[in-house]
Amino acid sequence: AFLPGFLLSFLFIAYCLIRSALQPSVGPPLP
C-alpha cells in the first residue's frame, strides 16, 4: 500500500499546484 498511497498523494498535490499555476486566483501566494 505504500507506493499507491504516496502516488495518490502526489497526484493530489500536482493537480493543486498545476491548477494554482494556471489559475492564480484559486491559490494565490500568501501575503
mmCIF file of all heavy atoms, coordinates in Angstrom:
data_MODEL
# 
_entry.id   MODEL 
# 
loop_
_atom_site.group_PDB 
_atom_site.id 
_atom_site.type_symbol 
_atom_site.label_atom_id 
_atom_site.label_alt_id 
_atom_site.label_comp_id 
_atom_site.label_asym_id 
_atom_site.label_entity_id 
_atom_site.label_seq_id 
_atom_site.pdbx_PDB_ins_code 
_atom_site.Cartn_x 
_atom_site.Cartn_y 
_atom_site.Cartn_z 
_atom_site.occupancy 
_atom_site.B_iso_or_equiv 
_atom_site.pdbx_formal_charge 
_atom_site.auth_seq_id 
_atom_site.auth_comp_id 
_atom_site.auth_asym_id 
_atom_site.auth_atom_id 
_atom_site.pdbx_PDB_model_num 
ATOM 1   N N   . ALA A 1 1  ? 0.805  -1.224 0.000   1.00 0.00 ? 1  ALA A N   1 
ATOM 2   C CA  . ALA A 1 1  ? 0.000  0.000  0.000   1.00 0.00 ? 1  ALA A CA  1 
ATOM 3   C C   . ALA A 1 1  ? 0.833  1.266  0.000   1.00 0.00 ? 1  ALA A C   1 
ATOM 4   O O   . ALA A 1 1  ? 0.312  2.353  -0.288  1.00 0.00 ? 1  ALA A O   1 
ATOM 5   C CB  . ALA A 1 1  ? -0.929 0.002  1.215   1.00 0.00 ? 1  ALA A CB  1 
ATOM 6   N N   . PHE A 1 2  ? 2.122  1.165  0.308   1.00 0.00 ? 2  PHE A N   1 
ATOM 7   C CA  . PHE A 1 2  ? 2.948  2.367  0.411   1.00 0.00 ? 2  PHE A CA  1 
ATOM 8   C C   . PHE A 1 2  ? 2.978  3.161  -0.896  1.00 0.00 ? 2  PHE A C   1 
ATOM 9   O O   . PHE A 1 2  ? 2.620  4.352  -0.925  1.00 0.00 ? 2  PHE A O   1 
ATOM 10  C CB  . PHE A 1 2  ? 4.381  1.991  0.808   1.00 0.00 ? 2  PHE A CB  1 
ATOM 11  C CG  . PHE A 1 2  ? 4.653  2.164  2.265   1.00 0.00 ? 2  PHE A CG  1 
ATOM 12  C CD1 . PHE A 1 2  ? 4.875  1.064  3.081   1.00 0.00 ? 2  PHE A CD1 1 
ATOM 13  C CD2 . PHE A 1 2  ? 4.698  3.420  2.837   1.00 0.00 ? 2  PHE A CD2 1 
ATOM 14  C CE1 . PHE A 1 2  ? 5.116  1.212  4.422   1.00 0.00 ? 2  PHE A CE1 1 
ATOM 15  C CE2 . PHE A 1 2  ? 4.938  3.586  4.183   1.00 0.00 ? 2  PHE A CE2 1 
ATOM 16  C CZ  . PHE A 1 2  ? 5.156  2.478  4.976   1.00 0.00 ? 2  PHE A CZ  1 
ATOM 17  N N   . LEU A 1 3  ? 3.431  2.547  -1.959  1.00 0.00 ? 3  LEU A N   1 
ATOM 18  C CA  . LEU A 1 3  ? 3.586  3.283  -3.225  1.00 0.00 ? 3  LEU A CA  1 
ATOM 19  C C   . LEU A 1 3  ? 2.244  3.775  -3.776  1.00 0.00 ? 3  LEU A C   1 
ATOM 20  O O   . LEU A 1 3  ? 2.150  4.929  -4.215  1.00 0.00 ? 3  LEU A O   1 
ATOM 21  C CB  . LEU A 1 3  ? 4.322  2.419  -4.253  1.00 0.00 ? 3  LEU A CB  1 
ATOM 22  C CG  . LEU A 1 3  ? 5.797  2.125  -3.944  1.00 0.00 ? 3  LEU A CG  1 
ATOM 23  C CD1 . LEU A 1 3  ? 6.425  1.301  -5.067  1.00 0.00 ? 3  LEU A CD1 1 
ATOM 24  C CD2 . LEU A 1 3  ? 6.582  3.418  -3.732  1.00 0.00 ? 3  LEU A CD2 1 
ATOM 25  N N   . PRO A 1 4  ? 1.169  2.966  -3.771  1.00 0.00 ? 4  PRO A N   1 
ATOM 26  C CA  . PRO A 1 4  ? -0.118 3.509  -4.230  1.00 0.00 ? 4  PRO A CA  1 
ATOM 27  C C   . PRO A 1 4  ? -0.593 4.692  -3.393  1.00 0.00 ? 4  PRO A C   1 
ATOM 28  O O   . PRO A 1 4  ? -1.122 5.670  -3.932  1.00 0.00 ? 4  PRO A O   1 
ATOM 29  C CB  . PRO A 1 4  ? -1.071 2.312  -4.084  1.00 0.00 ? 4  PRO A CB  1 
ATOM 30  C CG  . PRO A 1 4  ? -0.206 1.122  -4.200  1.00 0.00 ? 4  PRO A CG  1 
ATOM 31  C CD  . PRO A 1 4  ? 1.087  1.505  -3.553  1.00 0.00 ? 4  PRO A CD  1 
ATOM 32  N N   . GLY A 1 5  ? -0.405 4.625  -2.070  1.00 0.00 ? 5  GLY A N   1 
ATOM 33  C CA  . GLY A 1 5  ? -0.837 5.728  -1.213  1.00 0.00 ? 5  GLY A CA  1 
ATOM 34  C C   . GLY A 1 5  ? -0.096 7.015  -1.517  1.00 0.00 ? 5  GLY A C   1 
ATOM 35  O O   . GLY A 1 5  ? -0.703 8.088  -1.649  1.00 0.00 ? 5  GLY A O   1 
ATOM 36  N N   . PHE A 1 6  ? 1.222  6.909  -1.656  1.00 0.00 ? 6  PHE A N   1 
ATOM 37  C CA  . PHE A 1 6  ? 2.005  8.112  -1.940  1.00 0.00 ? 6  PHE A CA  1 
ATOM 38  C C   . PHE A 1 6  ? 1.838  8.560  -3.392  1.00 0.00 ? 6  PHE A C   1 
ATOM 39  O O   . PHE A 1 6  ? 1.987  9.743  -3.694  1.00 0.00 ? 6  PHE A O   1 
ATOM 40  C CB  . PHE A 1 6  ? 3.476  7.870  -1.606  1.00 0.00 ? 6  PHE A CB  1 
ATOM 41  C CG  . PHE A 1 6  ? 3.731  7.802  -0.125  1.00 0.00 ? 6  PHE A CG  1 
ATOM 42  C CD1 . PHE A 1 6  ? 4.093  6.615  0.486   1.00 0.00 ? 6  PHE A CD1 1 
ATOM 43  C CD2 . PHE A 1 6  ? 3.567  8.926  0.675   1.00 0.00 ? 6  PHE A CD2 1 
ATOM 44  C CE1 . PHE A 1 6  ? 4.303  6.545  1.859   1.00 0.00 ? 6  PHE A CE1 1 
ATOM 45  C CE2 . PHE A 1 6  ? 3.775  8.877  2.034   1.00 0.00 ? 6  PHE A CE2 1 
ATOM 46  C CZ  . PHE A 1 6  ? 4.146  7.683  2.633   1.00 0.00 ? 6  PHE A CZ  1 
ATOM 47  N N   . LEU A 1 7  ? 1.514  7.623  -4.290  1.00 0.00 ? 7  LEU A N   1 
ATOM 48  C CA  . LEU A 1 7  ? 1.198  8.002  -5.669  1.00 0.00 ? 7  LEU A CA  1 
ATOM 49  C C   . LEU A 1 7  ? -0.048 8.888  -5.702  1.00 0.00 ? 7  LEU A C   1 
ATOM 50  O O   . LEU A 1 7  ? -0.059 9.930  -6.381  1.00 0.00 ? 7  LEU A O   1 
ATOM 51  C CB  . LEU A 1 7  ? 0.970  6.750  -6.519  1.00 0.00 ? 7  LEU A CB  1 
ATOM 52  C CG  . LEU A 1 7  ? 0.394  6.983  -7.921  1.00 0.00 ? 7  LEU A CG  1 
ATOM 53  C CD1 . LEU A 1 7  ? 1.381  7.753  -8.785  1.00 0.00 ? 7  LEU A CD1 1 
ATOM 54  C CD2 . LEU A 1 7  ? 0.017  5.647  -8.586  1.00 0.00 ? 7  LEU A CD2 1 
ATOM 55  N N   . LEU A 1 8  ? -1.078 8.501  -4.962  1.00 0.00 ? 8  LEU A N   1 
ATOM 56  C CA  . LEU A 1 8  ? -2.297 9.320  -4.913  1.00 0.00 ? 8  LEU A CA  1 
ATOM 57  C C   . LEU A 1 8  ? -2.011 10.676 -4.287  1.00 0.00 ? 8  LEU A C   1 
ATOM 58  O O   . LEU A 1 8  ? -2.509 11.709 -4.766  1.00 0.00 ? 8  LEU A O   1 
ATOM 59  C CB  . LEU A 1 8  ? -3.378 8.593  -4.118  1.00 0.00 ? 8  LEU A CB  1 
ATOM 60  C CG  . LEU A 1 8  ? -4.001 7.370  -4.794  1.00 0.00 ? 8  LEU A CG  1 
ATOM 61  C CD1 . LEU A 1 8  ? -4.967 6.675  -3.846  1.00 0.00 ? 8  LEU A CD1 1 
ATOM 62  C CD2 . LEU A 1 8  ? -4.707 7.765  -6.080  1.00 0.00 ? 8  LEU A CD2 1 
ATOM 63  N N   . SER A 1 9  ? -1.220 10.696 -3.217  1.00 0.00 ? 9  SER A N   1 
ATOM 64  C CA  . SER A 1 9  ? -0.855 11.968 -2.596  1.00 0.00 ? 9  SER A CA  1 
ATOM 65  C C   . SER A 1 9  ? -0.134 12.867 -3.596  1.00 0.00 ? 9  SER A C   1 
ATOM 66  O O   . SER A 1 9  ? -0.409 14.074 -3.688  1.00 0.00 ? 9  SER A O   1 
ATOM 67  C CB  . SER A 1 9  ? 0.039  11.714 -1.376  1.00 0.00 ? 9  SER A CB  1 
ATOM 68  O OG  . SER A 1 9  ? 0.463  12.934 -0.800  1.00 0.00 ? 9  SER A OG  1 
ATOM 69  N N   . PHE A 1 10 ? 0.772  12.281 -4.390  1.00 0.00 ? 10 PHE A N   1 
ATOM 70  C CA  . PHE A 1 10 ? 1.500  13.050 -5.417  1.00 0.00 ? 10 PHE A CA  1 
ATOM 71  C C   . PHE A 1 10 ? 0.536  13.594 -6.467  1.00 0.00 ? 10 PHE A C   1 
ATOM 72  O O   . PHE A 1 10 ? 0.652  14.765 -6.885  1.00 0.00 ? 10 PHE A O   1 
ATOM 73  C CB  . PHE A 1 10 ? 2.560  12.171 -6.072  1.00 0.00 ? 10 PHE A CB  1 
ATOM 74  C CG  . PHE A 1 10 ? 3.212  12.793 -7.274  1.00 0.00 ? 10 PHE A CG  1 
ATOM 75  C CD1 . PHE A 1 10 ? 4.196  13.759 -7.125  1.00 0.00 ? 10 PHE A CD1 1 
ATOM 76  C CD2 . PHE A 1 10 ? 2.830  12.425 -8.552  1.00 0.00 ? 10 PHE A CD2 1 
ATOM 77  C CE1 . PHE A 1 10 ? 4.787  14.358 -8.242  1.00 0.00 ? 10 PHE A CE1 1 
ATOM 78  C CE2 . PHE A 1 10 ? 3.409  13.003 -9.670  1.00 0.00 ? 10 PHE A CE2 1 
ATOM 79  C CZ  . PHE A 1 10 ? 4.400  13.976 -9.508  1.00 0.00 ? 10 PHE A CZ  1 
ATOM 80  N N   . LEU A 1 11 ? -0.420 12.756 -6.903  1.00 0.00 ? 11 LEU A N   1 
ATOM 81  C CA  . LEU A 1 11 ? -1.388 13.215 -7.907  1.00 0.00 ? 11 LEU A CA  1 
ATOM 82  C C   . LEU A 1 11 ? -2.214 14.382 -7.366  1.00 0.00 ? 11 LEU A C   1 
ATOM 83  O O   . LEU A 1 11 ? -2.466 15.361 -8.089  1.00 0.00 ? 11 LEU A O   1 
ATOM 84  C CB  . LEU A 1 11 ? -2.319 12.066 -8.303  1.00 0.00 ? 11 LEU A CB  1 
ATOM 85  C CG  . LEU A 1 11 ? -1.716 10.936 -9.142  1.00 0.00 ? 11 LEU A CG  1 
ATOM 86  C CD1 . LEU A 1 11 ? -2.743 9.829  -9.352  1.00 0.00 ? 11 LEU A CD1 1 
ATOM 87  C CD2 . LEU A 1 11 ? -1.224 11.460 -10.490 1.00 0.00 ? 11 LEU A CD2 1 
ATOM 88  N N   . PHE A 1 12 ? -2.629 14.303 -6.100  1.00 0.00 ? 12 PHE A N   1 
ATOM 89  C CA  . PHE A 1 12 ? -3.416 15.382 -5.498  1.00 0.00 ? 12 PHE A CA  1 
ATOM 90  C C   . PHE A 1 12 ? -2.612 16.675 -5.450  1.00 0.00 ? 12 PHE A C   1 
ATOM 91  O O   . PHE A 1 12 ? -3.111 17.755 -5.805  1.00 0.00 ? 12 PHE A O   1 
ATOM 92  C CB  . PHE A 1 12 ? -3.846 14.999 -4.082  1.00 0.00 ? 12 PHE A CB  1 
ATOM 93  C CG  . PHE A 1 12 ? -4.751 13.805 -3.994  1.00 0.00 ? 12 PHE A CG  1 
ATOM 94  C CD1 . PHE A 1 12 ? -4.876 13.087 -2.801  1.00 0.00 ? 12 PHE A CD1 1 
ATOM 95  C CD2 . PHE A 1 12 ? -5.480 13.375 -5.099  1.00 0.00 ? 12 PHE A CD2 1 
ATOM 96  C CE1 . PHE A 1 12 ? -5.707 11.993 -2.711  1.00 0.00 ? 12 PHE A CE1 1 
ATOM 97  C CE2 . PHE A 1 12 ? -6.310 12.268 -5.026  1.00 0.00 ? 12 PHE A CE2 1 
ATOM 98  C CZ  . PHE A 1 12 ? -6.423 11.579 -3.824  1.00 0.00 ? 12 PHE A CZ  1 
ATOM 99  N N   . ILE A 1 13 ? -1.369 16.577 -4.978  1.00 0.00 ? 13 ILE A N   1 
ATOM 100 C CA  . ILE A 1 13 ? -0.519 17.773 -4.844  1.00 0.00 ? 13 ILE A CA  1 
ATOM 101 C C   . ILE A 1 13 ? -0.221 18.372 -6.213  1.00 0.00 ? 13 ILE A C   1 
ATOM 102 O O   . ILE A 1 13 ? -0.315 19.598 -6.410  1.00 0.00 ? 13 ILE A O   1 
ATOM 103 C CB  . ILE A 1 13 ? 0.785  17.422 -4.103  1.00 0.00 ? 13 ILE A CB  1 
ATOM 104 C CG1 . ILE A 1 13 ? 0.485  17.071 -2.643  1.00 0.00 ? 13 ILE A CG1 1 
ATOM 105 C CG2 . ILE A 1 13 ? 1.780  18.577 -4.172  1.00 0.00 ? 13 ILE A CG2 1 
ATOM 106 C CD1 . ILE A 1 13 ? 1.674  16.524 -1.886  1.00 0.00 ? 13 ILE A CD1 1 
ATOM 107 N N   . ALA A 1 14 ? 0.137  17.505 -7.180  1.00 0.00 ? 14 ALA A N   1 
ATOM 108 C CA  . ALA A 1 14 ? 0.472  18.001 -8.518  1.00 0.00 ? 14 ALA A CA  1 
ATOM 109 C C   . ALA A 1 14 ? -0.724 18.714 -9.147  1.00 0.00 ? 14 ALA A C   1 
ATOM 110 O O   . ALA A 1 14 ? -0.575 19.791 -9.755  1.00 0.00 ? 14 ALA A O   1 
ATOM 111 C CB  . ALA A 1 14 ? 0.917  16.839 -9.400  1.00 0.00 ? 14 ALA A CB  1 
ATOM 112 N N   . TYR A 1 15 ? -1.906 18.149 -8.977  1.00 0.00 ? 15 TYR A N   1 
ATOM 113 C CA  . TYR A 1 15 ? -3.099 18.765 -9.550  1.00 0.00 ? 15 TYR A CA  1 
ATOM 114 C C   . TYR A 1 15 ? -3.343 20.144 -8.943  1.00 0.00 ? 15 TYR A C   1 
ATOM 115 O O   . TYR A 1 15 ? -3.612 21.117 -9.673  1.00 0.00 ? 15 TYR A O   1 
ATOM 116 C CB  . TYR A 1 15 ? -4.309 17.861 -9.320  1.00 0.00 ? 15 TYR A CB  1 
ATOM 117 C CG  . TYR A 1 15 ? -5.623 18.471 -9.752  1.00 0.00 ? 15 TYR A CG  1 
ATOM 118 C CD1 . TYR A 1 15 ? -5.919 18.640 -11.098 1.00 0.00 ? 15 TYR A CD1 1 
ATOM 119 C CD2 . TYR A 1 15 ? -6.572 18.885 -8.811  1.00 0.00 ? 15 TYR A CD2 1 
ATOM 120 C CE1 . TYR A 1 15 ? -7.124 19.207 -11.499 1.00 0.00 ? 15 TYR A CE1 1 
ATOM 121 C CE2 . TYR A 1 15 ? -7.774 19.450 -9.202  1.00 0.00 ? 15 TYR A CE2 1 
ATOM 122 C CZ  . TYR A 1 15 ? -8.041 19.615 -10.547 1.00 0.00 ? 15 TYR A CZ  1 
ATOM 123 O OH  . TYR A 1 15 ? -9.228 20.186 -10.945 1.00 0.00 ? 15 TYR A OH  1 
ATOM 124 N N   . CYS A 1 16 ? -3.244 20.250 -7.630  1.00 0.00 ? 16 CYS A N   1 
ATOM 125 C CA  . CYS A 1 16 ? -3.491 21.540 -6.967  1.00 0.00 ? 16 CYS A CA  1 
ATOM 126 C C   . CYS A 1 16 ? -2.472 22.592 -7.385  1.00 0.00 ? 16 CYS A C   1 
ATOM 127 O O   . CYS A 1 16 ? -2.819 23.752 -7.640  1.00 0.00 ? 16 CYS A O   1 
ATOM 128 C CB  . CYS A 1 16 ? -3.461 21.359 -5.450  1.00 0.00 ? 16 CYS A CB  1 
ATOM 129 S SG  . CYS A 1 16 ? -4.877 20.466 -4.777  1.00 0.00 ? 16 CYS A SG  1 
ATOM 130 N N   . LEU A 1 17 ? -1.197 22.196 -7.454  1.00 0.00 ? 17 LEU A N   1 
ATOM 131 C CA  . LEU A 1 17 ? -0.168 23.168 -7.810  1.00 0.00 ? 17 LEU A CA  1 
ATOM 132 C C   . LEU A 1 17 ? -0.275 23.579 -9.276  1.00 0.00 ? 17 LEU A C   1 
ATOM 133 O O   . LEU A 1 17 ? -0.052 24.755 -9.618  1.00 0.00 ? 17 LEU A O   1 
ATOM 134 C CB  . LEU A 1 17 ? 1.220  22.580 -7.513  1.00 0.00 ? 17 LEU A CB  1 
ATOM 135 C CG  . LEU A 1 17 ? 1.527  22.318 -6.028  1.00 0.00 ? 17 LEU A CG  1 
ATOM 136 C CD1 . LEU A 1 17 ? 2.959  21.808 -5.863  1.00 0.00 ? 17 LEU A CD1 1 
ATOM 137 C CD2 . LEU A 1 17 ? 1.315  23.574 -5.195  1.00 0.00 ? 17 LEU A CD2 1 
ATOM 138 N N   . ILE A 1 18 ? -0.616 22.645 -10.150 1.00 0.00 ? 18 ILE A N   1 
ATOM 139 C CA  . ILE A 1 18 ? -0.780 22.993 -11.570 1.00 0.00 ? 18 ILE A CA  1 
ATOM 140 C C   . ILE A 1 18 ? -1.978 23.916 -11.753 1.00 0.00 ? 18 ILE A C   1 
ATOM 141 O O   . ILE A 1 18 ? -1.903 24.923 -12.487 1.00 0.00 ? 18 ILE A O   1 
ATOM 142 C CB  . ILE A 1 18 ? -0.922 21.711 -12.420 1.00 0.00 ? 18 ILE A CB  1 
ATOM 143 C CG1 . ILE A 1 18 ? 0.397  20.935 -12.437 1.00 0.00 ? 18 ILE A CG1 1 
ATOM 144 C CG2 . ILE A 1 18 ? -1.350 22.061 -13.849 1.00 0.00 ? 18 ILE A CG2 1 
ATOM 145 C CD1 . ILE A 1 18 ? 0.295  19.576 -13.100 1.00 0.00 ? 18 ILE A CD1 1 
ATOM 146 N N   . ARG A 1 19 ? -3.093 23.598 -11.078 1.00 0.00 ? 19 ARG A N   1 
ATOM 147 C CA  . ARG A 1 19 ? -4.260 24.481 -11.151 1.00 0.00 ? 19 ARG A CA  1 
ATOM 148 C C   . ARG A 1 19 ? -3.923 25.879 -10.633 1.00 0.00 ? 19 ARG A C   1 
ATOM 149 O O   . ARG A 1 19 ? -4.345 26.898 -11.201 1.00 0.00 ? 19 ARG A O   1 
ATOM 150 C CB  . ARG A 1 19 ? -5.399 23.896 -10.313 1.00 0.00 ? 19 ARG A CB  1 
ATOM 151 C CG  . ARG A 1 19 ? -6.221 22.818 -10.977 1.00 0.00 ? 19 ARG A CG  1 
ATOM 152 C CD  . ARG A 1 19 ? -7.185 23.366 -12.023 1.00 0.00 ? 19 ARG A CD  1 
ATOM 153 N NE  . ARG A 1 19 ? -8.035 24.426 -11.517 1.00 0.00 ? 19 ARG A NE  1 
ATOM 154 C CZ  . ARG A 1 19 ? -9.164 24.254 -10.858 1.00 0.00 ? 19 ARG A CZ  1 
ATOM 155 N NH1 . ARG A 1 19 ? -9.595 23.008 -10.595 1.00 0.00 ? 19 ARG A NH1 1 
ATOM 156 N NH2 . ARG A 1 19 ? -9.894 25.279 -10.456 1.00 0.00 ? 19 ARG A NH2 1 
ATOM 157 N N   . SER A 1 20 ? -3.160 25.946 -9.542  1.00 0.00 ? 20 SER A N   1 
ATOM 158 C CA  . SER A 1 20 ? -2.800 27.248 -8.977  1.00 0.00 ? 20 SER A CA  1 
ATOM 159 C C   . SER A 1 20 ? -1.883 28.026 -9.894  1.00 0.00 ? 20 SER A C   1 
ATOM 160 O O   . SER A 1 20 ? -1.952 29.261 -9.963  1.00 0.00 ? 20 SER A O   1 
ATOM 161 C CB  . SER A 1 20 ? -2.125 27.047 -7.606  1.00 0.00 ? 20 SER A CB  1 
ATOM 162 O OG  . SER A 1 20 ? -2.990 26.413 -6.701  1.00 0.00 ? 20 SER A OG  1 
ATOM 163 N N   . ALA A 1 21 ? -1.003 27.314 -10.618 1.00 0.00 ? 21 ALA A N   1 
ATOM 164 C CA  . ALA A 1 21 ? -0.098 27.988 -11.548 1.00 0.00 ? 21 ALA A CA  1 
ATOM 165 C C   . ALA A 1 21 ? -0.853 28.522 -12.768 1.00 0.00 ? 21 ALA A C   1 
ATOM 166 O O   . ALA A 1 21 ? -0.569 29.620 -13.255 1.00 0.00 ? 21 ALA A O   1 
ATOM 167 C CB  . ALA A 1 21 ? 1.008  27.027 -11.989 1.00 0.00 ? 21 ALA A CB  1 
ATOM 168 N N   . LEU A 1 22 ? -1.823 27.739 -13.246 1.00 0.00 ? 22 LEU A N   1 
ATOM 169 C CA  . LEU A 1 22 ? -2.575 28.144 -14.429 1.00 0.00 ? 22 LEU A CA  1 
ATOM 170 C C   . LEU A 1 22 ? -3.678 29.142 -14.101 1.00 0.00 ? 22 LEU A C   1 
ATOM 171 O O   . LEU A 1 22 ? -4.032 29.983 -14.932 1.00 0.00 ? 22 LEU A O   1 
ATOM 172 C CB  . LEU A 1 22 ? -3.179 26.909 -15.105 1.00 0.00 ? 22 LEU A CB  1 
ATOM 173 C CG  . LEU A 1 22 ? -2.174 25.877 -15.653 1.00 0.00 ? 22 LEU A CG  1 
ATOM 174 C CD1 . LEU A 1 22 ? -2.912 24.674 -16.241 1.00 0.00 ? 22 LEU A CD1 1 
ATOM 175 C CD2 . LEU A 1 22 ? -1.275 26.511 -16.700 1.00 0.00 ? 22 LEU A CD2 1 
ATOM 176 N N   . GLN A 1 23 ? -4.253 29.035 -12.896 1.00 0.00 ? 23 GLN A N   1 
ATOM 177 C CA  . GLN A 1 23 ? -5.311 29.939 -12.446 1.00 0.00 ? 23 GLN A CA  1 
ATOM 178 C C   . GLN A 1 23 ? -4.910 30.533 -11.100 1.00 0.00 ? 23 GLN A C   1 
ATOM 179 O O   . GLN A 1 23 ? -5.287 30.009 -10.053 1.00 0.00 ? 23 GLN A O   1 
ATOM 180 C CB  . GLN A 1 23 ? -6.635 29.187 -12.297 1.00 0.00 ? 23 GLN A CB  1 
ATOM 181 C CG  . GLN A 1 23 ? -7.205 28.616 -13.583 1.00 0.00 ? 23 GLN A CG  1 
ATOM 182 C CD  . GLN A 1 23 ? -8.473 27.823 -13.313 1.00 0.00 ? 23 GLN A CD  1 
ATOM 183 O OE1 . GLN A 1 23 ? -8.430 26.624 -13.054 1.00 0.00 ? 23 GLN A OE1 1 
ATOM 184 N NE2 . GLN A 1 23 ? -9.618 28.505 -13.353 1.00 0.00 ? 23 GLN A NE2 1 
ATOM 185 N N   . PRO A 1 24 ? -4.133 31.594 -11.097 1.00 0.00 ? 24 PRO A N   1 
ATOM 186 C CA  . PRO A 1 24 ? -3.622 32.149 -9.825  1.00 0.00 ? 24 PRO A CA  1 
ATOM 187 C C   . PRO A 1 24 ? -4.714 32.478 -8.810  1.00 0.00 ? 24 PRO A C   1 
ATOM 188 O O   . PRO A 1 24 ? -4.463 32.459 -7.604  1.00 0.00 ? 24 PRO A O   1 
ATOM 189 C CB  . PRO A 1 24 ? -2.890 33.412 -10.276 1.00 0.00 ? 24 PRO A CB  1 
ATOM 190 C CG  . PRO A 1 24 ? -2.530 33.149 -11.704 1.00 0.00 ? 24 PRO A CG  1 
ATOM 191 C CD  . PRO A 1 24 ? -3.632 32.332 -12.268 1.00 0.00 ? 24 PRO A CD  1 
ATOM 192 N N   . SER A 1 25 ? -5.931 32.719 -9.279  1.00 0.00 ? 25 SER A N   1 
ATOM 193 C CA  . SER A 1 25 ? -6.987 33.107 -8.343  1.00 0.00 ? 25 SER A CA  1 
ATOM 194 C C   . SER A 1 25 ? -7.421 31.962 -7.430  1.00 0.00 ? 25 SER A C   1 
ATOM 195 O O   . SER A 1 25 ? -7.976 32.195 -6.357  1.00 0.00 ? 25 SER A O   1 
ATOM 196 C CB  . SER A 1 25 ? -8.207 33.620 -9.114  1.00 0.00 ? 25 SER A CB  1 
ATOM 197 O OG  . SER A 1 25 ? -8.714 32.603 -9.973  1.00 0.00 ? 25 SER A OG  1 
ATOM 198 N N   . VAL A 1 26 ? -7.185 30.694 -7.820  1.00 0.00 ? 26 VAL A N   1 
ATOM 199 C CA  . VAL A 1 26 ? -7.641 29.579 -6.982  1.00 0.00 ? 26 VAL A CA  1 
ATOM 200 C C   . VAL A 1 26 ? -6.691 29.292 -5.827  1.00 0.00 ? 26 VAL A C   1 
ATOM 201 O O   . VAL A 1 26 ? -7.068 28.634 -4.854  1.00 0.00 ? 26 VAL A O   1 
ATOM 202 C CB  . VAL A 1 26 ? -7.836 28.288 -7.819  1.00 0.00 ? 26 VAL A CB  1 
ATOM 203 C CG1 . VAL A 1 26 ? -8.813 28.524 -8.953  1.00 0.00 ? 26 VAL A CG1 1 
ATOM 204 C CG2 . VAL A 1 26 ? -6.521 27.733 -8.330  1.00 0.00 ? 26 VAL A CG2 1 
ATOM 205 N N   . GLY A 1 27 ? -5.444 29.783 -5.925  1.00 0.00 ? 27 GLY A N   1 
ATOM 206 C CA  . GLY A 1 27 ? -4.482 29.536 -4.853  1.00 0.00 ? 27 GLY A CA  1 
ATOM 207 C C   . GLY A 1 27 ? -3.392 30.588 -4.831  1.00 0.00 ? 27 GLY A C   1 
ATOM 208 O O   . GLY A 1 27 ? -2.233 30.293 -5.127  1.00 0.00 ? 27 GLY A O   1 
ATOM 209 N N   . PRO A 1 28 ? -3.723 31.833 -4.490  1.00 0.00 ? 28 PRO A N   1 
ATOM 210 C CA  . PRO A 1 28 ? -2.728 32.916 -4.533  1.00 0.00 ? 28 PRO A CA  1 
ATOM 211 C C   . PRO A 1 28 ? -1.645 32.736 -3.463  1.00 0.00 ? 28 PRO A C   1 
ATOM 212 O O   . PRO A 1 28 ? -1.871 32.066 -2.442  1.00 0.00 ? 28 PRO A O   1 
ATOM 213 C CB  . PRO A 1 28 ? -3.572 34.162 -4.245  1.00 0.00 ? 28 PRO A CB  1 
ATOM 214 C CG  . PRO A 1 28 ? -4.745 33.657 -3.466  1.00 0.00 ? 28 PRO A CG  1 
ATOM 215 C CD  . PRO A 1 28 ? -5.035 32.283 -4.009  1.00 0.00 ? 28 PRO A CD  1 
ATOM 216 N N   . PRO A 1 29 ? -0.463 33.304 -3.681  1.00 0.00 ? 29 PRO A N   1 
ATOM 217 C CA  . PRO A 1 29 ? 0.583  33.254 -2.653  1.00 0.00 ? 29 PRO A CA  1 
ATOM 218 C C   . PRO A 1 29 ? 0.127  33.988 -1.390  1.00 0.00 ? 29 PRO A C   1 
ATOM 219 O O   . PRO A 1 29 ? -0.724 34.878 -1.437  1.00 0.00 ? 29 PRO A O   1 
ATOM 220 C CB  . PRO A 1 29 ? 1.770  33.971 -3.315  1.00 0.00 ? 29 PRO A CB  1 
ATOM 221 C CG  . PRO A 1 29 ? 1.457  34.010 -4.770  1.00 0.00 ? 29 PRO A CG  1 
ATOM 222 C CD  . PRO A 1 29 ? -0.027 34.017 -4.886  1.00 0.00 ? 29 PRO A CD  1 
ATOM 223 N N   . LEU A 1 30 ? 0.691  33.613 -0.266  1.00 0.00 ? 30 LEU A N   1 
ATOM 224 C CA  . LEU A 1 30 ? 0.353  34.290 0.985   1.00 0.00 ? 30 LEU A CA  1 
ATOM 225 C C   . LEU A 1 30 ? 0.989  35.673 0.997   1.00 0.00 ? 30 LEU A C   1 
ATOM 226 O O   . LEU A 1 30 ? 2.075  35.876 0.428   1.00 0.00 ? 30 LEU A O   1 
ATOM 227 C CB  . LEU A 1 30 ? 0.860  33.473 2.180   1.00 0.00 ? 30 LEU A CB  1 
ATOM 228 C CG  . LEU A 1 30 ? 0.252  32.074 2.343   1.00 0.00 ? 30 LEU A CG  1 
ATOM 229 C CD1 . LEU A 1 30 ? 0.831  31.396 3.587   1.00 0.00 ? 30 LEU A CD1 1 
ATOM 230 C CD2 . LEU A 1 30 ? -1.261 32.140 2.446   1.00 0.00 ? 30 LEU A CD2 1 
ATOM 231 N N   . PRO A 1 31 ? 0.371  36.661 1.627   1.00 0.00 ? 31 PRO A N   1 
ATOM 232 C CA  . PRO A 1 31 ? 0.973  37.999 1.705   1.00 0.00 ? 31 PRO A CA  1 
ATOM 233 C C   . PRO A 1 31 ? 2.293  37.952 2.471   1.00 0.00 ? 31 PRO A C   1 
ATOM 234 O O   . PRO A 1 31 ? 2.509  37.067 3.309   1.00 0.00 ? 31 PRO A O   1 
ATOM 235 C CB  . PRO A 1 31 ? -0.081 38.816 2.459   1.00 0.00 ? 31 PRO A CB  1 
ATOM 236 C CG  . PRO A 1 31 ? -0.952 37.818 3.143   1.00 0.00 ? 31 PRO A CG  1 
ATOM 237 C CD  . PRO A 1 31 ? -0.937 36.594 2.297   1.00 0.00 ? 31 PRO A CD  1 
# 
